Protein backbone atom coordinates (compact mmCIF):
# COMPACT_ATOMS: atom_id res chain seq x y z
CA UNK A 1 140.85 123.41 94.65
CA UNK A 2 138.98 122.40 97.75
CA UNK A 3 138.78 124.32 101.03
CA UNK A 4 137.50 123.36 104.45
CA UNK A 5 136.27 126.68 105.90
CA UNK A 6 135.74 126.82 109.66
CA UNK A 7 133.06 129.18 111.02
CA UNK A 8 134.58 132.23 112.74
CA UNK A 9 132.13 134.69 114.23
CA UNK A 10 134.30 137.78 113.83
CA UNK A 11 135.14 137.01 110.19
CA UNK A 12 131.49 136.32 109.38
CA UNK A 13 130.38 139.61 110.94
CA UNK A 14 133.00 141.59 108.99
CA UNK A 15 132.08 139.89 105.72
CA UNK A 16 128.34 140.47 106.17
CA UNK A 17 128.94 144.12 107.11
CA UNK A 18 131.05 144.50 103.96
CA UNK A 19 128.24 143.11 101.79
CA UNK A 20 125.72 145.48 103.42
CA UNK A 21 127.91 148.54 102.83
CA UNK A 22 128.56 147.51 99.27
CA UNK A 23 124.87 147.21 98.43
CA UNK A 24 124.02 150.60 99.96
CA UNK A 25 127.05 152.45 98.57
CA UNK A 26 125.37 153.69 95.37
CA UNK A 27 122.19 154.78 97.17
CA UNK A 28 124.13 156.74 99.79
CA UNK A 29 126.29 158.40 97.14
CA UNK A 30 123.15 159.51 95.26
CA UNK A 31 121.62 160.67 98.53
CA UNK A 32 124.65 162.87 99.26
CA UNK A 33 124.37 164.33 95.77
CA UNK A 34 120.69 165.15 96.47
CA UNK A 35 121.74 166.96 99.63
CA UNK A 36 124.32 169.10 97.81
CA UNK A 37 121.86 169.91 95.00
CA UNK A 38 119.27 170.91 97.59
CA UNK A 39 121.73 173.17 99.37
CA UNK A 40 122.68 174.74 96.04
CA UNK A 41 119.02 175.22 95.11
CA UNK A 42 118.17 176.90 98.38
CA UNK A 43 121.16 179.25 98.13
CA UNK A 44 120.24 180.20 94.54
CA UNK A 45 116.58 180.51 95.54
CA UNK A 46 117.33 182.84 98.43
CA UNK A 47 119.66 184.88 96.22
CA UNK A 48 116.95 185.20 93.55
CA UNK A 49 114.22 186.16 96.06
CA UNK A 50 116.60 188.65 97.73
CA UNK A 51 117.15 190.31 94.35
CA UNK A 52 113.41 190.59 93.66
CA UNK A 53 112.98 187.51 91.48
CA UNK A 54 110.04 185.14 91.68
CA UNK A 55 111.75 181.96 90.45
CA UNK A 56 113.65 181.70 93.71
CA UNK A 57 110.51 180.45 95.45
CA UNK A 58 110.37 177.53 93.04
CA UNK A 59 114.02 176.70 93.78
CA UNK A 60 113.38 176.88 97.52
CA UNK A 61 110.40 174.52 97.21
CA UNK A 62 112.47 172.11 95.10
CA UNK A 63 115.27 172.23 97.68
CA UNK A 64 112.87 171.36 100.50
CA UNK A 65 111.70 168.36 98.47
CA UNK A 66 115.36 167.35 98.05
CA UNK A 67 115.92 167.66 101.82
CA UNK A 68 112.82 165.52 102.37
CA UNK A 69 114.19 162.81 100.04
CA UNK A 70 117.58 162.98 101.77
CA UNK A 71 116.08 162.50 105.23
CA UNK A 72 113.69 159.79 104.01
CA UNK A 73 116.57 157.79 102.49
CA UNK A 74 118.69 158.14 105.65
CA UNK A 75 115.82 156.89 107.80
CA UNK A 76 115.31 153.96 105.43
CA UNK A 77 119.04 153.18 105.56
CA UNK A 78 119.16 153.13 109.36
CA UNK A 79 115.95 151.10 109.67
CA UNK A 80 117.31 148.54 107.21
CA UNK A 81 120.68 148.53 108.96
CA UNK A 82 118.99 147.77 112.27
CA UNK A 83 117.01 144.92 110.69
CA UNK A 84 120.12 143.61 108.93
CA UNK A 85 122.13 143.70 112.17
CA UNK A 86 119.37 141.79 113.94
CA UNK A 87 119.32 139.19 111.14
CA UNK A 88 123.12 138.88 111.27
CA UNK A 89 122.97 138.32 115.04
CA UNK A 90 120.28 135.67 114.57
CA UNK A 91 122.33 134.00 111.84
CA UNK A 92 125.44 133.98 114.03
CA UNK A 93 123.51 132.42 116.90
CA UNK A 94 122.03 129.84 114.55
CA UNK A 95 125.49 128.97 113.27
CA UNK A 96 126.86 128.71 116.81
CA UNK A 97 124.11 126.29 117.81
CA UNK A 98 123.91 124.20 114.65
CA UNK A 99 127.22 124.41 112.91
CA UNK A 100 128.52 120.91 112.37
CA UNK A 101 132.09 120.66 111.16
CA UNK A 102 132.78 123.25 108.47
CA UNK A 103 131.81 124.41 105.03
CA UNK A 104 133.45 122.65 102.11
CA UNK A 105 134.02 124.94 99.14
CA UNK A 106 135.29 123.39 95.94
CA UNK A 107 136.45 125.30 92.90
CA UNK A 108 136.31 123.19 89.76
CA UNK A 109 136.79 124.06 86.08
CA UNK A 110 133.01 123.97 85.57
CA UNK A 111 131.52 124.99 88.92
CA UNK A 112 131.83 126.16 92.51
CA UNK A 113 130.41 123.73 95.08
CA UNK A 114 129.34 124.62 98.64
CA UNK A 115 128.43 122.04 101.22
CA UNK A 116 127.63 122.57 104.87
CA UNK A 117 125.15 121.36 107.48
CA UNK A 118 122.18 122.96 105.74
CA UNK A 119 122.93 123.12 102.02
CA UNK A 120 124.66 121.46 99.14
CA UNK A 121 125.00 123.79 96.14
CA UNK A 122 126.76 123.48 92.84
CA UNK A 123 126.91 126.76 90.90
CA UNK A 124 128.17 127.00 87.34
CA UNK A 125 130.68 129.74 86.54
CA UNK A 126 128.21 131.29 84.08
CA UNK A 127 125.95 132.14 87.05
CA UNK A 128 128.50 134.75 88.19
CA UNK A 129 128.88 138.20 86.68
CA UNK A 130 132.32 138.65 88.19
CA UNK A 131 134.22 139.00 91.42
CA UNK A 132 135.74 141.76 93.51
CA UNK A 133 138.48 141.81 96.08
CA UNK A 134 137.65 144.04 99.02
CA UNK A 135 139.56 144.06 102.32
CA UNK A 136 141.21 140.69 101.58
CA UNK A 137 137.84 139.11 100.77
CA UNK A 138 136.82 137.67 97.43
CA UNK A 139 133.22 138.64 96.70
CA UNK A 140 131.55 136.50 94.03
CA UNK A 141 128.70 138.37 92.37
CA UNK A 142 125.83 136.28 91.09
CA UNK A 143 123.95 137.43 87.99
CA UNK A 144 120.38 136.64 89.01
CA UNK A 145 120.86 137.01 92.77
CA UNK A 146 122.95 140.16 93.39
CA UNK A 147 121.96 140.32 97.07
CA UNK A 148 123.11 136.73 97.58
CA UNK A 149 126.77 137.42 97.10
CA UNK A 150 129.23 134.75 98.10
CA UNK A 151 132.29 135.84 100.04
CA UNK A 152 135.51 134.08 100.95
CA UNK A 153 138.31 135.73 102.89
CA UNK A 154 142.05 135.36 103.13
CA UNK A 155 141.53 134.50 106.82
CA UNK A 156 139.36 131.57 105.77
CA UNK A 157 141.88 129.81 103.53
CA UNK A 158 145.35 131.23 104.20
CA UNK A 159 147.50 133.60 102.17
CA UNK A 160 149.13 131.12 99.75
CA UNK A 161 145.84 129.45 98.88
CA UNK A 162 144.18 132.87 98.60
CA UNK A 163 146.67 133.96 95.92
CA UNK A 164 146.32 130.66 94.05
CA UNK A 165 142.55 130.96 94.19
CA UNK A 166 142.56 134.48 92.76
CA UNK A 167 144.76 133.31 89.88
CA UNK A 168 142.34 130.44 89.21
CA UNK A 169 139.19 132.58 89.45
CA UNK A 170 140.61 135.12 87.00
CA UNK A 171 140.63 132.38 84.36
CA UNK A 172 136.90 131.74 84.95
CA UNK A 173 135.17 135.09 85.56
CA UNK A 174 136.10 138.75 85.20
CA UNK A 175 137.30 140.92 88.01
CA UNK A 176 135.16 144.00 88.62
CA UNK A 177 136.12 147.12 90.53
CA UNK A 178 134.53 148.29 93.74
């Protein structure tokens, strides 16, 4: 199967935002858990101190450390999001100025090939740990380069081809959940 994918700014932005959210999902879930544990620790600590216990002070100190970690992670998330958004905007502008023709993506029995104005890659199926389908996008997950996910959307190739492609990919690599 061979596809001629035309650059669309809106689609590219949505796909890159999806990848960003996906990579931060686990960290943010853990961060929310830290917040709830900190709230629970402070409530138990105050209850213990109120009833004359001394261990409550330890719980209160631990909860403040948990709040500190929560805030630190949120700040890191928003700083990285700002940098990522800036990089996405720069990438979009670069594509607008330099994009010649389209990207050719070929799915073969042995490999996936990508060719555009700046690269010509041929990746073996064994280089992928699996794929996910999220918001009508196929996200190919690479084993050694998890942050360099490859994404292809239904908007890029059309609905009939999208369904055929999913059937083909399922014979090559496993489908993972999101």
